[in-house]
N, C-alpha and C. Protein backbone atom coordinates (compact mmCIF):
# COMPACT_ATOMS: atom_id res chain seq x y z
N MET A 1 0.84 -1.18 0.00
CA MET A 1 0.00 0.00 0.00
C MET A 1 0.89 1.25 0.00
N ASP A 2 0.64 2.13 -0.92
CA ASP A 2 1.37 3.39 -1.01
C ASP A 2 0.64 4.44 -0.18
N ILE A 3 1.24 4.83 0.93
CA ILE A 3 0.59 5.75 1.86
C ILE A 3 0.34 7.12 1.22
N ASN A 4 1.23 7.58 0.36
CA ASN A 4 1.03 8.87 -0.30
C ASN A 4 -0.15 8.83 -1.27
N LYS A 5 -0.30 7.72 -1.96
CA LYS A 5 -1.43 7.57 -2.88
C LYS A 5 -2.74 7.56 -2.09
N LEU A 6 -2.76 6.85 -0.98
CA LEU A 6 -3.93 6.78 -0.13
C LEU A 6 -4.26 8.16 0.46
N ARG A 7 -3.25 8.87 0.91
CA ARG A 7 -3.45 10.21 1.46
C ARG A 7 -4.05 11.13 0.41
N ASN A 8 -3.54 11.09 -0.80
CA ASN A 8 -4.05 11.93 -1.88
C ASN A 8 -5.48 11.55 -2.25
N GLN A 9 -5.78 10.27 -2.21
CA GLN A 9 -7.14 9.81 -2.52
C GLN A 9 -8.13 10.35 -1.48
N TYR A 10 -7.78 10.26 -0.21
CA TYR A 10 -8.65 10.77 0.85
C TYR A 10 -8.81 12.28 0.75
N LYS A 11 -7.72 12.97 0.50
CA LYS A 11 -7.76 14.43 0.38
C LYS A 11 -8.65 14.84 -0.80
N ASP A 12 -8.50 14.18 -1.92
CA ASP A 12 -9.30 14.47 -3.10
C ASP A 12 -10.79 14.24 -2.83
N GLU A 13 -11.11 13.13 -2.21
CA GLU A 13 -12.51 12.82 -1.90
C GLU A 13 -13.10 13.86 -0.95
N LEU A 14 -12.36 14.21 0.07
CA LEU A 14 -12.83 15.18 1.05
C LEU A 14 -13.07 16.55 0.42
N LEU A 15 -12.09 17.05 -0.31
CA LEU A 15 -12.17 18.41 -0.84
C LEU A 15 -13.06 18.55 -2.07
N ASN A 16 -13.19 17.49 -2.85
CA ASN A 16 -13.97 17.58 -4.09
C ASN A 16 -15.37 17.01 -4.00
N ASN A 17 -15.65 16.22 -2.96
CA ASN A 17 -16.98 15.60 -2.85
C ASN A 17 -17.65 15.84 -1.50
N VAL A 18 -16.98 15.50 -0.42
CA VAL A 18 -17.61 15.57 0.90
C VAL A 18 -17.91 17.00 1.32
N VAL A 19 -16.90 17.85 1.34
CA VAL A 19 -17.09 19.23 1.78
C VAL A 19 -18.08 19.98 0.89
N PRO A 20 -17.95 19.94 -0.44
CA PRO A 20 -18.94 20.64 -1.26
C PRO A 20 -20.37 20.12 -1.07
N PHE A 21 -20.53 18.81 -0.89
CA PHE A 21 -21.86 18.25 -0.65
C PHE A 21 -22.49 18.89 0.58
N TRP A 22 -21.77 18.88 1.70
CA TRP A 22 -22.33 19.42 2.94
C TRP A 22 -22.54 20.93 2.87
N LEU A 23 -21.63 21.64 2.26
CA LEU A 23 -21.80 23.09 2.16
C LEU A 23 -22.97 23.46 1.27
N ASN A 24 -23.19 22.72 0.22
CA ASN A 24 -24.28 23.04 -0.72
C ASN A 24 -25.63 22.49 -0.29
N LYS A 25 -25.65 21.36 0.35
CA LYS A 25 -26.92 20.68 0.64
C LYS A 25 -27.46 20.90 2.06
N SER A 26 -26.60 21.20 3.02
CA SER A 26 -27.07 21.23 4.41
C SER A 26 -27.45 22.62 4.91
N GLN A 27 -27.17 23.65 4.16
CA GLN A 27 -27.49 25.01 4.60
C GLN A 27 -28.99 25.23 4.69
N ASP A 28 -29.44 25.79 5.83
CA ASP A 28 -30.83 26.20 5.98
C ASP A 28 -30.90 27.67 5.59
N LYS A 29 -31.29 27.93 4.37
CA LYS A 29 -31.29 29.30 3.85
C LYS A 29 -32.47 30.12 4.37
N GLU A 30 -33.46 29.46 4.95
CA GLU A 30 -34.62 30.19 5.47
C GLU A 30 -34.40 30.68 6.90
N PHE A 31 -33.87 29.81 7.77
CA PHE A 31 -33.73 30.15 9.18
C PHE A 31 -32.28 30.21 9.66
N GLY A 32 -31.34 29.87 8.81
CA GLY A 32 -29.93 29.87 9.20
C GLY A 32 -29.52 28.54 9.80
N GLY A 33 -28.25 28.34 9.89
CA GLY A 33 -27.73 27.10 10.43
C GLY A 33 -27.63 26.02 9.36
N TYR A 34 -27.41 24.79 9.83
CA TYR A 34 -27.18 23.67 8.93
C TYR A 34 -27.99 22.47 9.37
N PHE A 35 -28.61 21.80 8.40
CA PHE A 35 -29.33 20.56 8.68
C PHE A 35 -28.33 19.42 8.84
N THR A 36 -28.65 18.51 9.73
CA THR A 36 -27.78 17.37 10.00
C THR A 36 -28.21 16.13 9.22
N CYS A 37 -29.49 15.93 9.09
CA CYS A 37 -30.03 14.67 8.56
C CYS A 37 -30.35 14.79 7.07
N LEU A 38 -29.44 14.34 6.26
CA LEU A 38 -29.60 14.38 4.81
C LEU A 38 -29.54 12.98 4.23
N ARG A 39 -30.30 12.78 3.16
CA ARG A 39 -30.19 11.52 2.40
C ARG A 39 -28.96 11.61 1.50
N GLY A 40 -28.62 10.52 0.87
CA GLY A 40 -27.46 10.47 -0.02
C GLY A 40 -27.54 11.45 -1.18
N ASN A 41 -28.76 11.81 -1.57
CA ASN A 41 -28.92 12.76 -2.68
C ASN A 41 -28.99 14.21 -2.19
N GLY A 42 -28.91 14.41 -0.86
CA GLY A 42 -28.91 15.75 -0.30
C GLY A 42 -30.26 16.23 0.20
N ASP A 43 -31.31 15.43 0.02
CA ASP A 43 -32.62 15.82 0.54
C ASP A 43 -32.62 15.78 2.07
N VAL A 44 -33.20 16.79 2.70
CA VAL A 44 -33.31 16.84 4.15
C VAL A 44 -34.46 15.94 4.58
N PHE A 45 -34.21 15.02 5.52
CA PHE A 45 -35.29 14.16 6.00
C PHE A 45 -35.66 14.43 7.45
N ASP A 46 -34.95 15.32 8.12
CA ASP A 46 -35.29 15.73 9.48
C ASP A 46 -34.75 17.14 9.67
N THR A 47 -35.59 18.06 10.10
CA THR A 47 -35.17 19.46 10.20
C THR A 47 -34.57 19.81 11.55
N ASP A 48 -34.45 18.84 12.46
CA ASP A 48 -33.77 19.10 13.73
C ASP A 48 -32.32 19.46 13.44
N LYS A 49 -31.79 20.38 14.23
CA LYS A 49 -30.39 20.78 14.07
C LYS A 49 -29.66 20.47 15.36
N PHE A 50 -28.42 20.06 15.23
CA PHE A 50 -27.62 19.67 16.38
C PHE A 50 -26.39 20.57 16.47
N VAL A 51 -26.07 20.99 17.69
CA VAL A 51 -25.02 21.99 17.89
C VAL A 51 -23.67 21.52 17.37
N TRP A 52 -23.38 20.22 17.47
CA TRP A 52 -22.07 19.74 17.02
C TRP A 52 -21.87 19.98 15.53
N LEU A 53 -22.94 19.83 14.73
CA LEU A 53 -22.79 20.06 13.29
C LEU A 53 -22.69 21.55 12.99
N GLN A 54 -23.40 22.38 13.75
CA GLN A 54 -23.31 23.82 13.53
C GLN A 54 -21.86 24.27 13.71
N ALA A 55 -21.23 23.79 14.77
CA ALA A 55 -19.84 24.15 15.03
C ALA A 55 -18.91 23.60 13.95
N ARG A 56 -19.15 22.37 13.52
CA ARG A 56 -18.30 21.76 12.49
C ARG A 56 -18.41 22.53 11.17
N GLN A 57 -19.61 22.91 10.79
CA GLN A 57 -19.80 23.64 9.53
C GLN A 57 -19.14 25.01 9.58
N VAL A 58 -19.26 25.70 10.71
CA VAL A 58 -18.61 27.00 10.86
C VAL A 58 -17.10 26.84 10.78
N TRP A 59 -16.57 25.78 11.38
CA TRP A 59 -15.13 25.53 11.37
C TRP A 59 -14.62 25.28 9.95
N MET A 60 -15.45 24.62 9.12
CA MET A 60 -15.01 24.33 7.75
C MET A 60 -14.94 25.60 6.96
């Protein structure tokens, strides 16, 4: 296993797929904050918000 290849793969997935998904799909544009419960396609299935995700999204 090439650790550099694996590192680059994880970095690429995080920066090109995971972060953009959450930034684009989880924002509550009506009331502010971020939704936690999303389906794989980005649809919100529960509008409850949890403080840990609010902090994580602000940190990103």
